[in-house]
Protein backbone atom coordinates (compact mmCIF):
# COMPACT_ATOMS: atom_id res chain seq x y z
CA UNK A 1 0.00 0.00 0.00
CA UNK A 2 1.45 3.36 -0.99
CA UNK A 3 0.66 6.96 -0.16
CA UNK A 4 1.93 10.44 -0.96
CA UNK A 5 4.12 11.87 1.81
CA UNK A 6 5.04 15.49 2.37
CA UNK A 7 8.79 16.03 2.72
CA UNK A 8 10.70 19.17 3.57
CA UNK A 9 14.38 18.84 2.64
CA UNK A 10 17.23 21.28 3.23
CA UNK A 11 18.82 22.38 -0.06
CA UNK A 12 21.86 24.58 -0.38
CA UNK A 13 25.60 24.69 0.09
CA UNK A 14 28.24 26.30 2.33
CA UNK A 15 25.68 27.47 4.90
CA UNK A 16 23.41 29.25 2.41
CA UNK A 17 20.20 27.42 1.65
CA UNK A 18 16.61 26.80 2.63
CA UNK A 19 14.03 24.07 3.16
CA UNK A 20 12.12 22.98 0.06
CA UNK A 21 8.82 21.15 0.00
CA UNK A 22 8.25 17.93 -1.95
CA UNK A 23 5.53 15.32 -2.26
CA UNK A 24 6.95 11.82 -2.71
CA UNK A 25 5.45 8.35 -2.98
CA UNK A 26 6.00 6.02 -0.01
CA UNK A 27 5.60 2.27 -0.13
CA UNK A 28 5.13 -0.15 2.74
CA UNK A 29 8.33 -1.08 4.59
CA UNK A 30 10.47 1.77 3.29
CA UNK A 31 12.94 3.88 5.22
CA UNK A 32 13.67 7.60 4.86
CA UNK A 33 16.71 6.90 2.68
CA UNK A 34 14.44 5.08 0.18
CA UNK A 35 12.34 8.21 -0.11
CA UNK A 36 15.38 10.43 -0.55
CA UNK A 37 16.55 8.15 -3.36
CA UNK A 38 13.12 8.28 -4.99
CA UNK A 39 13.18 12.05 -4.68
CA UNK A 40 16.53 12.08 -6.49
CA UNK A 41 15.20 9.79 -9.20
CA UNK A 42 11.97 11.66 -9.86
CA UNK A 43 12.22 15.31 -8.85
CA UNK A 44 15.64 16.44 -7.61
CA UNK A 45 18.48 14.68 -9.49
CA UNK A 46 21.00 17.16 -8.09
CA UNK A 47 20.12 16.43 -4.44
CA UNK A 48 23.32 15.47 -2.58
CA UNK A 49 23.18 12.83 0.16
CA UNK A 50 25.93 10.65 1.62
CA UNK A 51 25.22 6.94 2.04
CA UNK A 52 26.88 3.58 1.52
CA UNK A 53 25.73 0.34 3.15
CA UNK A 54 22.00 1.03 3.73
CA UNK A 55 22.24 -1.36 6.69
CA UNK A 56 23.09 0.89 9.63
CA UNK A 57 26.75 -0.14 9.70
CA UNK A 58 28.69 2.54 7.80
CA UNK A 59 27.39 5.67 9.55
CA UNK A 60 27.40 7.63 6.28
CA UNK A 61 23.76 8.73 6.13
CA UNK A 62 23.61 10.70 9.37
CA UNK A 63 21.02 13.48 9.29
CA UNK A 64 18.40 15.18 11.42
CA UNK A 65 14.85 14.00 10.82
CA UNK A 66 12.20 16.24 12.36
CA UNK A 67 14.99 17.66 14.51
CA UNK A 68 16.16 14.27 15.82
CA UNK A 69 19.65 13.03 14.85
CA UNK A 70 19.19 9.65 13.13
CA UNK A 71 20.46 7.42 10.34
CA UNK A 72 18.36 7.83 7.19
CA UNK A 73 18.64 4.11 6.44
CA UNK A 74 17.42 3.02 9.88
CA UNK A 75 14.44 5.36 10.24
CA UNK A 76 11.29 3.66 8.96
CA UNK A 77 8.57 5.71 7.37
CA UNK A 78 6.08 3.86 9.57
CA UNK A 79 7.51 5.97 12.40
CA UNK A 80 5.54 8.94 11.04
CA UNK A 81 1.85 9.50 10.42
CA UNK A 82 0.87 9.55 6.73
CA UNK A 83 -0.27 13.17 6.97
CA UNK A 84 2.87 14.28 8.82
CA UNK A 85 5.47 16.46 7.10
CA UNK A 86 8.90 14.84 7.41
CA UNK A 87 11.72 17.39 7.61
CA UNK A 88 15.22 16.22 6.69
CA UNK A 89 18.23 18.43 7.37
CA UNK A 90 22.00 17.82 7.63
CA UNK A 91 23.49 17.28 11.09
CA UNK A 92 23.73 20.75 12.55
CA UNK A 93 27.08 20.91 14.31
CA UNK A 94 29.27 20.58 11.21
CA UNK A 95 29.41 22.88 8.16
CA UNK A 96 27.42 21.87 5.11
CA UNK A 97 29.17 20.95 1.88
CA UNK A 98 25.93 20.62 -0.07
CA UNK A 99 22.32 19.69 0.72
CA UNK A 100 22.38 16.78 3.19
CA UNK A 101 26.17 16.28 3.08
CA UNK A 102 28.08 17.83 6.02
CA UNK A 103 31.82 18.35 6.30
CA UNK A 104 32.84 15.98 9.11
CA UNK A 105 36.60 16.36 8.58
CA UNK A 106 36.95 17.77 12.13
CA UNK A 107 36.20 14.29 13.44
CA UNK A 108 38.98 12.69 11.40
CA UNK A 109 41.43 15.35 12.56
CA UNK A 110 40.53 14.48 16.16
CA UNK A 111 40.97 10.77 15.42
CA UNK A 112 44.55 11.40 14.32
CA UNK A 113 45.30 13.15 17.63
CA UNK A 114 44.62 10.01 19.70
CA UNK A 115 47.88 8.08 20.29
CA UNK A 116 47.60 4.58 18.87
CA UNK A 117 47.54 1.30 20.79
CA UNK A 118 50.84 0.73 22.66
CA UNK A 119 51.43 -2.88 23.77
CA UNK A 120 54.92 -2.20 25.08
CA UNK A 121 57.29 -5.17 24.89
CA UNK A 122 54.57 -7.82 24.62
CA UNK A 123 55.27 -10.18 21.74
CA UNK A 124 52.55 -11.72 19.54
CA UNK A 125 51.02 -14.71 21.32
CA UNK A 126 52.38 -13.78 24.75
CA UNK A 127 49.44 -11.79 26.10
CA UNK A 128 46.18 -13.22 27.43
CA UNK A 129 43.01 -11.26 28.20
CA UNK A 130 40.16 -12.03 30.55
CA UNK A 131 36.80 -12.39 28.83
CA UNK A 132 35.39 -9.41 30.77
CA UNK A 133 38.19 -7.22 29.39
CA UNK A 134 37.36 -8.37 25.88
CA UNK A 135 33.66 -7.64 26.40
CA UNK A 136 34.33 -4.18 27.81
CA UNK A 137 36.35 -2.94 24.85
CA UNK A 138 34.16 -4.78 22.37
CA UNK A 139 31.22 -2.52 23.21
CA UNK A 140 33.23 0.53 22.16
CA UNK A 141 34.33 -1.19 18.94
CA UNK A 142 30.70 -1.35 17.83
CA UNK A 143 30.98 2.36 16.94
CA UNK A 144 30.19 2.99 13.26
CA UNK A 145 31.46 6.58 13.37
CA UNK A 146 28.21 8.18 12.32
CA UNK A 147 29.30 11.12 14.53
CA UNK A 148 25.76 11.65 15.84
CA UNK A 149 27.21 11.71 19.36
CA UNK A 150 29.63 14.50 18.45
CA UNK A 151 26.80 16.27 16.62
CA UNK A 152 24.53 16.49 19.67
CA UNK A 153 27.26 17.24 22.22
CA UNK A 154 26.46 20.78 23.34
CA UNK A 155 30.13 21.43 24.16
CA UNK A 156 30.75 21.91 20.43
CA UNK A 157 27.19 22.21 19.10
CA UNK A 158 26.56 25.41 21.07
CA UNK A 159 30.17 26.56 21.50
CA UNK A 160 32.20 26.28 18.31
CA UNK A 161 35.16 27.88 20.08
CA UNK A 162 35.62 24.63 22.08
CA UNK A 163 36.33 22.52 18.99
CA UNK A 164 40.15 22.91 19.02
CA UNK A 165 40.39 21.71 22.65
CA UNK A 166 37.67 19.03 22.70
CA UNK A 167 37.68 15.60 21.05
CA UNK A 168 33.97 14.90 21.43
CA UNK A 169 32.34 11.76 22.88
CA UNK A 170 33.39 9.49 20.03
CA UNK A 171 37.13 10.01 20.50
CA UNK A 172 37.03 10.37 24.28
CA UNK A 173 35.46 6.92 24.10
CA UNK A 174 38.45 5.80 22.01
CA UNK A 175 40.83 7.15 24.65
CA UNK A 176 38.84 5.31 27.33
CA UNK A 177 38.91 2.08 25.30
CA UNK A 178 42.71 2.19 25.08
CA UNK A 179 43.11 3.20 28.73
CA UNK A 180 40.97 0.24 29.83
CA UNK A 181 42.74 -2.23 27.53
CA UNK A 182 44.95 -4.47 29.72
CA UNK A 183 47.60 -4.76 26.98
CA UNK A 184 47.98 -1.02 26.46
CA UNK A 185 50.90 0.34 28.46
CA UNK A 186 50.35 4.07 27.89
CA UNK A 187 48.90 6.23 30.66
CA UNK A 188 46.14 8.14 28.88
CA UNK A 189 44.60 9.83 31.91
CA UNK A 190 46.62 13.02 31.64
CA UNK A 191 46.09 13.51 27.90
CA UNK A 192 42.37 12.79 28.26
CA UNK A 193 42.11 15.91 30.40
CA UNK A 194 44.80 18.15 28.92
CA UNK A 195 44.75 17.24 25.21
CA UNK A 196 41.24 15.93 24.56
CA UNK A 197 39.12 18.10 26.87
CA UNK A 198 37.50 15.46 29.07
CA UNK A 199 36.78 18.15 31.65
CA UNK A 200 34.38 19.87 29.24
CA UNK A 201 32.01 16.90 29.40
CA UNK A 202 29.28 17.29 32.02
CA UNK A 203 27.71 13.87 31.39
CA UNK A 204 24.30 14.93 30.13
CA UNK A 205 24.06 11.57 28.26
CA UNK A 206 22.80 13.17 25.04
CA UNK A 207 25.51 11.25 23.17
CA UNK A 208 24.27 7.94 24.54
CA UNK A 209 20.66 8.75 23.63
CA UNK A 210 21.37 9.14 19.90
CA UNK A 211 23.84 6.28 19.42
CA UNK A 212 22.37 3.89 16.82
CA UNK A 213 24.54 1.06 18.18
CA UNK A 214 23.20 1.64 21.73
CA UNK A 215 26.68 2.05 23.18
CA UNK A 216 26.53 3.39 26.73
CA UNK A 217 29.07 6.07 25.97
CA UNK A 218 28.52 8.10 29.12
CA UNK A 219 28.15 5.33 31.69
CA UNK A 220 30.78 2.92 30.37
CA UNK A 221 33.40 5.22 28.85
CA UNK A 222 33.21 8.88 29.90
CA UNK A 223 32.31 8.50 33.59
CA UNK A 224 34.88 5.73 34.23
CA UNK A 225 37.50 7.85 32.46
CA UNK A 226 36.62 10.84 34.62
CA UNK A 227 36.99 8.64 37.70
CA UNK A 228 40.42 7.50 36.56
CA UNK A 229 41.53 11.07 35.90
CA UNK A 230 40.23 12.20 39.30
CA UNK A 231 41.97 9.28 40.99
CA UNK A 232 45.27 10.19 39.36
CA UNK A 233 44.97 13.88 40.21
CA UNK A 234 43.32 13.92 43.65
CA UNK A 235 43.86 10.57 45.38
CA UNK A 236 46.20 11.42 48.31
CA UNK A 237 48.08 8.11 48.08
CA UNK A 238 48.67 8.57 44.35
CA UNK A 239 49.75 12.16 44.99
CA UNK A 240 52.23 11.01 47.67
CA UNK A 241 53.56 8.27 45.42
CA UNK A 242 54.14 10.76 42.61
CA UNK A 243 55.93 13.09 45.03
CA UNK A 244 58.22 10.31 46.25
CA UNK A 245 58.94 9.16 42.69
CA UNK A 246 59.81 12.68 41.57
CA UNK A 247 62.00 13.18 44.64
CA UNK A 248 63.93 9.96 43.94
CA UNK A 249 64.58 11.09 40.38
CA UNK A 250 65.70 14.52 41.64
CA UNK A 251 68.02 13.06 44.31
CA UNK A 252 69.70 10.58 41.97
CA UNK A 253 73.30 11.80 41.48
CA UNK A 254 74.36 12.45 37.94
CA UNK A 255 77.22 10.34 36.61
């Protein structure tokens, strides 16, 4: 059974554009991305949209549908009433290249700033992990890098000036994943705070709410990382140990 749906789609480039109204056929079982493709095929051949797998695993088709950050390919048209106008806009935090395609290069720049996995002197085949350690990092590896979490984070969404100093939930989660990995020898607590802006996060959980993979970003990555940073900085025993270590290094005579 099909019907005619009212769509309002953002058209434009480089921040200059407007919403345009369309009426498009919808068939049973279709998702929003199907309708966008039909719109391209029948009325707007120059409409730009980024997509790839159409299975919710590549993260390419991130957009805002009726103001809610979602994946176009995972949002069923049955979600909306037949007489409802469906508004599709690009994710708001990042600059628009054209139509529904945002420039998410900031995210890739932040990814390059995270130091890679450092196993130290462990040789292949020598290290063993507990199953609970595997499960903990595996949750974070479900991330498809749709960047919806970074899009809704008000630290950068409402304050663009924070972008140089803040990595966003996605890459703070990456820092947490490496810090929690039992084979990683690097101490990432200091750089989480100083280089990646962990202190900006006030755990509102908006990132968790929009994650299409249902990763508990706030509870399982950001809060534990904050606890580790606080323990390193404010635990009196850790503070005393650091003082003693520094004093030993200072008192060691030079050869």
